[in-house]
Amino acid sequence: MTKIEIFKTNGRIVRYKATGHAEYADIGEDIVCAALSTTLQFPLAGLQEVLDMTPRFEINSDGYLEVDLRGMDLSSKEKEVNTLLDSMLIMLRELSKGYPNNLKLVEKEEK
């Protein structure tokens, strides 16, 4: 199972982390894994390639991804950043409804 944690401050996503494998099907045939990878990496690519921002992040082939925007100055691009991250969260919520045995989504409010 993949566990995805969404960390928010004042209702806005400031960090997200995924661990584990979906285990829906064999490697290379796992549609849940493919959907999760795309959904989680899309905002990171948008931040880097479209908005020219470089958040702290770590990714590996063992099913781990963490993106951390804490401490970044988002003021000039806050609307765009929030649109990317909120869109990701919508997709994750839908995937967690459709594949509850393969994905656990946890949303946390941080101070």
N, C-alpha and C. Protein backbone atom coordinates (compact mmCIF):
# COMPACT_ATOMS: atom_id res chain seq x y z
N MET A 1 0.83 -1.18 0.00
CA MET A 1 0.00 0.00 0.00
C MET A 1 0.88 1.25 0.00
N THR A 2 0.44 2.25 -0.75
CA THR A 2 1.12 3.54 -0.75
C THR A 2 0.45 4.44 0.27
N LYS A 3 1.25 5.05 1.12
CA LYS A 3 0.73 6.03 2.08
C LYS A 3 1.16 7.41 1.60
N ILE A 4 0.19 8.29 1.47
CA ILE A 4 0.48 9.66 1.05
C ILE A 4 0.04 10.59 2.17
N GLU A 5 0.96 11.43 2.59
CA GLU A 5 0.68 12.40 3.63
C GLU A 5 0.74 13.80 3.03
N ILE A 6 -0.30 14.56 3.28
CA ILE A 6 -0.38 15.94 2.82
C ILE A 6 -0.31 16.82 4.07
N PHE A 7 0.66 17.69 4.12
CA PHE A 7 0.85 18.58 5.27
C PHE A 7 0.44 19.99 4.87
N LYS A 8 -0.44 20.59 5.67
CA LYS A 8 -0.94 21.93 5.38
C LYS A 8 -0.63 22.88 6.52
N THR A 9 -0.48 24.13 6.18
CA THR A 9 -0.39 25.22 7.15
C THR A 9 -1.42 26.26 6.74
N ASN A 10 -2.29 26.61 7.65
CA ASN A 10 -3.38 27.55 7.36
C ASN A 10 -4.19 27.11 6.14
N GLY A 11 -4.41 25.82 6.03
CA GLY A 11 -5.23 25.28 4.94
C GLY A 11 -4.54 25.13 3.61
N ARG A 12 -3.28 25.50 3.51
CA ARG A 12 -2.52 25.42 2.25
C ARG A 12 -1.48 24.32 2.33
N ILE A 13 -1.33 23.58 1.26
CA ILE A 13 -0.34 22.50 1.22
C ILE A 13 1.06 23.09 1.22
N VAL A 14 1.89 22.62 2.16
CA VAL A 14 3.26 23.10 2.25
C VAL A 14 4.27 21.97 2.06
N ARG A 15 3.76 20.72 2.13
CA ARG A 15 4.65 19.56 1.99
C ARG A 15 3.80 18.35 1.69
N TYR A 16 4.35 17.41 0.92
CA TYR A 16 3.68 16.13 0.74
C TYR A 16 4.70 15.02 0.61
N LYS A 17 4.27 13.84 1.04
CA LYS A 17 5.19 12.70 1.09
C LYS A 17 4.44 11.43 0.72
N ALA A 18 5.09 10.58 -0.06
CA ALA A 18 4.52 9.28 -0.43
C ALA A 18 5.55 8.20 -0.10
N THR A 19 5.05 7.10 0.48
CA THR A 19 5.92 5.97 0.79
C THR A 19 5.20 4.68 0.42
N GLY A 20 5.97 3.72 -0.03
CA GLY A 20 5.44 2.39 -0.31
C GLY A 20 4.97 2.22 -1.75
N HIS A 21 4.55 1.01 -2.04
CA HIS A 21 4.09 0.65 -3.38
C HIS A 21 2.61 0.31 -3.34
N ALA A 22 1.92 0.62 -4.41
CA ALA A 22 0.47 0.40 -4.48
C ALA A 22 0.11 -1.09 -4.46
N GLU A 23 0.93 -1.92 -5.07
CA GLU A 23 0.73 -3.37 -5.11
C GLU A 23 -0.62 -3.77 -5.72
N TYR A 24 -1.05 -3.00 -6.72
CA TYR A 24 -2.29 -3.32 -7.43
C TYR A 24 -2.03 -4.42 -8.47
N ALA A 25 -0.84 -4.38 -9.08
CA ALA A 25 -0.46 -5.36 -10.10
C ALA A 25 1.06 -5.47 -10.10
N ASP A 26 1.58 -6.32 -10.98
CA ASP A 26 3.02 -6.50 -11.11
C ASP A 26 3.69 -5.21 -11.55
N ILE A 27 4.96 -5.08 -11.22
CA ILE A 27 5.75 -3.92 -11.65
C ILE A 27 5.67 -3.79 -13.17
N GLY A 28 5.45 -2.59 -13.62
CA GLY A 28 5.32 -2.33 -15.05
C GLY A 28 3.90 -2.46 -15.56
N GLU A 29 3.01 -3.03 -14.73
CA GLU A 29 1.61 -3.18 -15.12
C GLU A 29 0.66 -2.56 -14.09
N ASP A 30 1.20 -1.90 -13.12
CA ASP A 30 0.42 -1.36 -12.00
C ASP A 30 -0.14 0.02 -12.36
N ILE A 31 -1.43 0.05 -12.72
CA ILE A 31 -2.04 1.32 -13.13
C ILE A 31 -2.20 2.29 -11.96
N VAL A 32 -2.36 1.77 -10.76
CA VAL A 32 -2.48 2.64 -9.59
C VAL A 32 -1.15 3.33 -9.33
N CYS A 33 -0.08 2.58 -9.40
CA CYS A 33 1.26 3.15 -9.23
C CYS A 33 1.53 4.23 -10.28
N ALA A 34 1.17 3.94 -11.51
CA ALA A 34 1.38 4.91 -12.59
C ALA A 34 0.56 6.18 -12.35
N ALA A 35 -0.68 6.02 -11.93
CA ALA A 35 -1.53 7.18 -11.66
C ALA A 35 -0.99 8.00 -10.49
N LEU A 36 -0.55 7.33 -9.45
CA LEU A 36 0.01 8.03 -8.29
C LEU A 36 1.29 8.77 -8.65
N SER A 37 2.17 8.10 -9.38
CA SER A 37 3.44 8.73 -9.77
C SER A 37 3.20 9.98 -10.58
N THR A 38 2.29 9.89 -11.53
CA THR A 38 1.97 11.04 -12.37
C THR A 38 1.35 12.16 -11.54
N THR A 39 0.40 11.81 -10.71
CA THR A 39 -0.29 12.81 -9.89
C THR A 39 0.66 13.53 -8.95
N LEU A 40 1.59 12.80 -8.36
CA LEU A 40 2.52 13.39 -7.39
C LEU A 40 3.66 14.15 -8.04
N GLN A 41 4.09 13.72 -9.20
CA GLN A 41 5.22 14.39 -9.86
C GLN A 41 4.79 15.57 -10.73
N PHE A 42 3.52 15.61 -11.13
CA PHE A 42 3.02 16.70 -11.96
C PHE A 42 3.22 18.08 -11.31
N PRO A 43 2.81 18.28 -10.04
CA PRO A 43 3.04 19.60 -9.46
C PRO A 43 4.52 19.93 -9.29
N LEU A 44 5.34 18.94 -9.00
CA LEU A 44 6.77 19.19 -8.88
C LEU A 44 7.34 19.69 -10.21
N ALA A 45 6.95 19.05 -11.30
CA ALA A 45 7.41 19.49 -12.62
C ALA A 45 6.88 20.89 -12.93
N GLY A 46 5.64 21.15 -12.58
CA GLY A 46 5.08 22.49 -12.81
C GLY A 46 5.81 23.56 -12.03
N LEU A 47 6.14 23.25 -10.79
CA LEU A 47 6.89 24.20 -9.97
C LEU A 47 8.25 24.49 -10.60
N GLN A 48 8.93 23.45 -11.03
CA GLN A 48 10.29 23.61 -11.57
C GLN A 48 10.29 24.19 -12.98
N GLU A 49 9.52 23.60 -13.86
CA GLU A 49 9.62 23.94 -15.28
C GLU A 49 8.77 25.13 -15.70
N VAL A 50 7.62 25.32 -15.07
CA VAL A 50 6.72 26.40 -15.47
C VAL A 50 6.91 27.63 -14.59
N LEU A 51 6.96 27.42 -13.29
CA LEU A 51 7.06 28.54 -12.36
C LEU A 51 8.50 28.89 -11.98
N ASP A 52 9.46 28.10 -12.46
CA ASP A 52 10.88 28.34 -12.21
C ASP A 52 11.19 28.43 -10.71
N MET A 53 10.65 27.47 -9.97
CA MET A 53 10.87 27.39 -8.53
C MET A 53 11.56 26.07 -8.22
N THR A 54 12.33 26.06 -7.16
CA THR A 54 13.05 24.84 -6.81
C THR A 54 12.75 24.47 -5.36
N PRO A 55 11.70 23.68 -5.14
CA PRO A 55 11.43 23.22 -3.78
C PRO A 55 12.42 22.14 -3.38
N ARG A 56 12.54 21.92 -2.09
CA ARG A 56 13.33 20.78 -1.62
C ARG A 56 12.52 19.52 -1.94
N PHE A 57 13.18 18.52 -2.48
CA PHE A 57 12.48 17.28 -2.76
C PHE A 57 13.45 16.11 -2.77
N GLU A 58 12.88 14.93 -2.54
CA GLU A 58 13.64 13.68 -2.59
C GLU A 58 12.75 12.65 -3.25
N ILE A 59 13.32 11.88 -4.14
CA ILE A 59 12.57 10.85 -4.83
C ILE A 59 13.50 9.66 -5.07
N ASN A 60 12.95 8.44 -4.93
CA ASN A 60 13.75 7.26 -5.25
C ASN A 60 12.86 6.16 -5.80
N SER A 61 13.47 5.09 -6.26
CA SER A 61 12.73 4.01 -6.91
C SER A 61 12.07 3.05 -5.91
N ASP A 62 12.25 3.30 -4.63
CA ASP A 62 11.65 2.45 -3.60
C ASP A 62 10.26 2.94 -3.18
N GLY A 63 9.65 3.81 -3.99
CA GLY A 63 8.32 4.29 -3.67
C GLY A 63 8.30 5.47 -2.71
N TYR A 64 9.39 6.24 -2.70
CA TYR A 64 9.47 7.39 -1.79
C TYR A 64 9.54 8.68 -2.59
N LEU A 65 8.71 9.64 -2.21
CA LEU A 65 8.75 10.98 -2.78
C LEU A 65 8.36 11.96 -1.68
N GLU A 66 9.14 13.00 -1.53
CA GLU A 66 8.79 14.06 -0.60
C GLU A 66 9.10 15.39 -1.26
N VAL A 67 8.14 16.30 -1.19
CA VAL A 67 8.29 17.66 -1.72
C VAL A 67 7.97 18.61 -0.58
N ASP A 68 8.87 19.57 -0.35
CA ASP A 68 8.76 20.47 0.79
C ASP A 68 8.91 21.92 0.33
N LEU A 69 7.85 22.70 0.49
CA LEU A 69 7.85 24.10 0.10
C LEU A 69 8.02 25.05 1.28
N ARG A 70 8.15 24.50 2.47
CA ARG A 70 8.29 25.35 3.65
C ARG A 70 9.54 26.21 3.52
N GLY A 71 9.40 27.47 3.90
CA GLY A 71 10.52 28.40 3.86
C GLY A 71 10.72 29.07 2.50
N MET A 72 9.97 28.67 1.49
CA MET A 72 10.10 29.30 0.17
C MET A 72 9.23 30.55 0.12
N ASP A 73 9.68 31.54 -0.63
CA ASP A 73 8.88 32.75 -0.85
C ASP A 73 7.92 32.47 -2.00
N LEU A 74 6.67 32.26 -1.68
CA LEU A 74 5.66 31.95 -2.68
C LEU A 74 4.80 33.15 -3.04
N SER A 75 5.07 34.29 -2.43
CA SER A 75 4.16 35.44 -2.52
C SER A 75 3.83 35.84 -3.95
N SER A 76 4.79 35.85 -4.85
CA SER A 76 4.51 36.30 -6.21
C SER A 76 3.84 35.24 -7.07
N LYS A 77 3.87 33.98 -6.63
CA LYS A 77 3.28 32.89 -7.41
C LYS A 77 2.37 32.01 -6.57
N GLU A 78 1.85 32.57 -5.50
CA GLU A 78 1.05 31.79 -4.57
C GLU A 78 -0.19 31.16 -5.22
N LYS A 79 -0.88 31.92 -6.05
CA LYS A 79 -2.08 31.40 -6.71
C LYS A 79 -1.74 30.20 -7.60
N GLU A 80 -0.68 30.30 -8.38
CA GLU A 80 -0.27 29.22 -9.28
C GLU A 80 0.17 27.98 -8.50
N VAL A 81 0.94 28.20 -7.44
CA VAL A 81 1.40 27.09 -6.61
C VAL A 81 0.21 26.36 -5.99
N ASN A 82 -0.71 27.13 -5.41
CA ASN A 82 -1.89 26.53 -4.78
C ASN A 82 -2.75 25.80 -5.79
N THR A 83 -2.85 26.31 -7.00
CA THR A 83 -3.63 25.62 -8.05
C THR A 83 -3.02 24.27 -8.37
N LEU A 84 -1.71 24.22 -8.52
CA LEU A 84 -1.03 22.95 -8.79
C LEU A 84 -1.26 21.95 -7.65
N LEU A 85 -1.05 22.40 -6.43
CA LEU A 85 -1.13 21.49 -5.28
C LEU A 85 -2.57 21.08 -4.97
N ASP A 86 -3.50 22.01 -5.09
CA ASP A 86 -4.91 21.67 -4.85
C ASP A 86 -5.43 20.70 -5.91
N SER A 87 -4.99 20.86 -7.15
CA SER A 87 -5.38 19.93 -8.22
C SER A 87 -4.83 18.54 -7.94
N MET A 88 -3.59 18.47 -7.47
CA MET A 88 -3.00 17.18 -7.09
C MET A 88 -3.86 16.52 -6.01
N LEU A 89 -4.25 17.29 -5.01
CA LEU A 89 -5.02 16.73 -3.90
C LEU A 89 -6.38 16.21 -4.37
N ILE A 90 -7.02 16.90 -5.29
CA ILE A 90 -8.30 16.43 -5.84
C ILE A 90 -8.11 15.06 -6.48
N MET A 91 -7.08 14.91 -7.26
CA MET A 91 -6.82 13.62 -7.92
C MET A 91 -6.50 12.54 -6.89
N LEU A 92 -5.72 12.86 -5.88
CA LEU A 92 -5.38 11.88 -4.85
C LEU A 92 -6.62 11.43 -4.08
N ARG A 93 -7.51 12.36 -3.80
CA ARG A 93 -8.76 11.99 -3.10
C ARG A 93 -9.57 11.01 -3.95
N GLU A 94 -9.66 11.28 -5.24
CA GLU A 94 -10.41 10.39 -6.13
C GLU A 94 -9.75 9.02 -6.23
N LEU A 95 -8.45 8.99 -6.35
CA LEU A 95 -7.73 7.71 -6.41
C LEU A 95 -7.90 6.93 -5.11
N SER A 96 -7.88 7.61 -3.97
CA SER A 96 -8.03 6.91 -2.69
C SER A 96 -9.44 6.32 -2.54
N LYS A 97 -10.44 6.97 -3.12
CA LYS A 97 -11.80 6.42 -3.12
C LYS A 97 -11.89 5.19 -4.01
N GLY A 98 -11.26 5.26 -5.16
CA GLY A 98 -11.33 4.17 -6.13
C GLY A 98 -10.47 2.97 -5.78
N TYR A 99 -9.40 3.19 -5.04
CA TYR A 99 -8.45 2.12 -4.72
C TYR A 99 -8.09 2.14 -3.23
N PRO A 100 -9.08 1.95 -2.36
CA PRO A 100 -8.81 2.06 -0.92
C PRO A 100 -7.88 0.98 -0.37
N ASN A 101 -7.71 -0.13 -1.07
CA ASN A 101 -6.80 -1.18 -0.62
C ASN A 101 -5.36 -0.93 -1.05
N ASN A 102 -5.16 0.09 -1.89
CA ASN A 102 -3.83 0.35 -2.44
C ASN A 102 -3.27 1.71 -2.06
N LEU A 103 -4.12 2.56 -1.52
CA LEU A 103 -3.71 3.94 -1.24
C LEU A 103 -4.36 4.42 0.05
N LYS A 104 -3.51 4.96 0.92
CA LYS A 104 -4.01 5.59 2.13
C LYS A 104 -3.60 7.07 2.08
N LEU A 105 -4.57 7.95 2.08
CA LEU A 105 -4.33 9.38 2.02
C LEU A 105 -4.60 9.99 3.38
N VAL A 106 -3.61 10.71 3.90
CA VAL A 106 -3.72 11.35 5.21
C VAL A 106 -3.42 12.83 5.04
N GLU A 107 -4.35 13.66 5.50
CA GLU A 107 -4.16 15.10 5.45
C GLU A 107 -3.97 15.62 6.87
N LYS A 108 -2.92 16.40 7.06
CA LYS A 108 -2.58 16.91 8.40
C LYS A 108 -2.40 18.41 8.36
N GLU A 109 -2.92 19.08 9.38
CA GLU A 109 -2.70 20.52 9.52
C GLU A 109 -1.54 20.72 10.48
N GLU A 110 -0.52 21.44 10.01
CA GLU A 110 0.65 21.74 10.84
C GLU A 110 0.55 23.17 11.33
N LYS A 111 1.26 23.47 12.39
CA LYS A 111 1.28 24.83 12.92
C LYS A 111 2.46 25.58 12.40
